[in-house]
Protein backbone atom coordinates (compact mmCIF):
# COMPACT_ATOMS: atom_id res chain seq x y z
CA MET A 1 4.48 1.58 -32.49
CA PRO A 2 6.38 4.80 -32.84
CA LYS A 3 8.86 6.01 -30.11
CA ARG A 4 7.57 8.67 -27.90
CA PRO A 5 9.82 11.92 -28.09
CA LEU A 6 12.17 12.41 -25.34
CA TYR A 7 12.85 16.01 -24.35
CA ILE A 8 15.40 17.85 -21.97
CA ILE A 9 14.23 20.76 -20.04
CA GLY A 10 17.16 23.09 -19.50
CA ALA A 11 20.11 23.71 -21.96
CA GLY A 12 22.91 24.40 -19.34
CA SER A 13 25.79 22.20 -18.21
CA GLN A 14 23.29 19.65 -16.70
CA SER A 15 21.76 19.20 -20.02
CA LYS A 16 24.97 18.12 -21.58
CA VAL A 17 25.59 15.48 -18.86
CA LEU A 18 21.98 14.18 -19.13
CA LEU A 19 22.36 14.26 -22.97
CA SER A 20 25.42 12.18 -22.77
CA MET A 21 23.69 9.63 -20.52
CA ILE A 22 20.65 9.54 -22.83
CA GLN A 23 22.85 8.56 -25.53
CA GLU A 24 24.71 5.98 -23.49
CA CYS A 25 21.52 4.47 -22.55
CA GLY A 26 20.62 4.01 -26.24
CA LYS A 27 17.86 6.57 -26.42
CA GLU A 28 17.47 9.50 -28.67
CA CYS A 29 16.65 13.01 -27.49
CA SER A 30 14.15 14.84 -29.68
CA GLY A 31 14.99 18.35 -28.52
CA ILE A 32 15.67 20.76 -25.65
CA PHE A 33 13.58 23.46 -24.14
CA ASP A 34 15.07 26.50 -22.33
CA ASP A 35 13.72 29.98 -21.55
CA ASP A 36 16.97 31.64 -22.87
CA GLU A 37 15.93 33.18 -26.25
CA LYS A 38 19.57 33.43 -27.38
CA LEU A 39 19.59 29.63 -27.61
CA PHE A 40 16.41 29.23 -29.68
CA GLY A 41 17.37 27.70 -33.01
CA SER A 42 20.76 26.49 -31.86
CA THR A 43 21.75 22.86 -31.24
CA LEU A 44 23.55 21.04 -28.57
CA TRP A 45 25.60 17.99 -30.01
CA GLY A 46 23.08 18.10 -32.91
CA VAL A 47 19.91 18.26 -30.73
CA PRO A 48 17.80 21.36 -31.40
CA VAL A 49 16.93 23.87 -28.74
CA ARG A 50 13.10 24.15 -29.73
CA GLY A 51 11.87 27.06 -27.65
CA ARG A 52 10.67 28.02 -24.19
CA ILE A 53 10.13 25.47 -21.55
CA SER A 54 6.27 26.29 -21.79
CA ASP A 55 6.46 25.32 -25.53
CA MET A 56 7.08 21.61 -24.63
CA PRO A 57 4.07 19.56 -25.52
CA ASP A 58 2.07 18.57 -22.18
CA LYS A 59 0.89 15.31 -23.66
CA GLU A 60 1.04 11.69 -22.29
CA GLU A 61 3.17 10.64 -25.24
CA THR A 62 5.73 13.21 -24.34
CA GLU A 63 8.76 11.87 -22.29
CA ALA A 64 10.97 14.46 -20.48
CA VAL A 65 13.78 14.85 -17.96
CA ILE A 66 14.67 18.16 -16.24
CA ALA A 67 18.26 19.04 -16.53
CA ILE A 68 18.38 21.86 -13.89
CA GLY A 69 20.41 21.45 -10.85
CA ASP A 70 18.32 23.39 -8.55
CA ASN A 71 15.91 21.07 -6.62
CA ASN A 72 13.22 23.69 -6.00
CA THR A 73 13.22 24.65 -9.74
CA ARG A 74 12.89 21.04 -10.85
CA VAL A 75 9.84 20.59 -8.54
CA GLU A 76 8.34 23.84 -9.77
CA ILE A 77 8.85 23.00 -13.47
CA SER A 78 7.53 19.45 -13.13
CA GLY A 79 4.42 20.94 -11.54
CA ARG A 80 3.58 22.98 -14.75
CA PHE A 81 3.07 19.81 -16.77
CA ARG A 82 0.13 17.65 -15.72
CA ASN A 83 0.36 15.01 -18.61
CA VAL A 84 4.05 14.47 -19.38
CA SER A 85 5.65 11.10 -18.75
CA TRP A 86 8.70 11.97 -16.70
CA SER A 87 11.55 9.62 -17.80
CA LEU A 88 13.61 7.64 -15.19
CA LEU A 89 17.25 7.55 -16.47
CA VAL A 90 19.41 4.91 -14.91
CA HIS A 91 22.88 4.52 -16.45
CA PRO A 92 23.75 0.93 -17.27
CA ARG A 93 26.98 1.02 -15.27
CA THR A 94 25.17 1.30 -11.83
CA CYS A 95 24.73 -1.12 -9.15
CA ILE A 96 21.11 -0.99 -7.51
CA HIS A 97 19.58 -3.48 -5.30
CA SER A 98 16.15 -4.71 -6.68
CA SER A 99 14.37 -3.49 -3.66
CA VAL A 100 15.23 0.15 -4.38
CA GLU A 101 12.30 2.36 -5.22
CA MET A 102 12.95 5.18 -7.78
CA GLY A 103 10.74 8.11 -8.67
CA GLU A 104 9.85 9.38 -12.10
CA GLY A 105 12.01 12.05 -13.63
CA SER A 106 15.24 10.96 -11.64
CA ALA A 107 18.62 10.48 -13.11
CA ILE A 108 21.02 8.03 -11.68
CA PHE A 109 24.56 8.49 -13.17
CA PRO A 110 27.32 5.92 -13.79
CA GLY A 111 29.30 4.41 -11.02
CA THR A 112 26.42 4.86 -8.44
CA ILE A 113 25.83 2.13 -5.96
CA ILE A 114 22.37 2.06 -4.13
CA HIS A 115 21.86 -0.48 -1.39
CA ALA A 116 18.81 -2.30 -0.48
CA GLU A 117 15.48 -0.68 0.76
CA SER A 118 16.52 2.72 -0.25
CA VAL A 119 14.04 5.29 -1.77
CA ILE A 120 14.86 7.86 -4.41
CA GLY A 121 12.08 10.40 -4.77
CA ARG A 122 10.84 12.23 -7.98
CA HIS A 123 13.11 14.49 -10.09
CA VAL A 124 16.22 13.43 -7.91
CA ILE A 125 19.77 13.61 -9.41
CA ILE A 126 22.33 11.06 -8.11
CA ASN A 127 25.58 12.11 -9.55
CA SER A 128 28.42 9.80 -10.76
CA ALA A 129 30.05 7.45 -8.24
CA ALA A 130 27.56 8.31 -5.45
CA VAL A 131 27.16 5.47 -2.73
CA LEU A 132 23.75 5.23 -0.89
CA GLY A 133 23.79 2.96 2.11
CA TYR A 134 21.01 0.72 3.34
CA GLY A 135 17.58 2.37 3.66
CA THR A 136 18.71 5.82 2.36
CA ARG A 137 15.80 8.16 1.46
CA ILE A 138 16.31 11.14 -0.84
CA GLY A 139 13.57 13.49 -1.99
CA ASP A 140 9.78 13.48 -1.66
């Protein structure tokens, strides 16, 4: 079975952090989409910037993550795509209790500790070395 393409939306500093994590998780990024025309045709660590965000295929076999720091923008962009499979990225060097619920499109960076019965919503970014206590709720 062929691997689904994994894309990043956004080509700023957050995309570099996510691209690094994707690679550390043993995955491969197929491309980046961003609305800055000056970036079209360029590469980030060998990964091509393929075009506008709206150019990303809106298909079930498309896997993506949004690399934009602004919460409202992430929600707005995710609403544009009805069929995309939003990737949940969890760095292998985290400590997350088995009862934690994590939403699609979220990114959990290295060193993070999440205690029991916490809930992480959709498209949430938990930065490195964060500690979320028992029953914490973020997003949605």
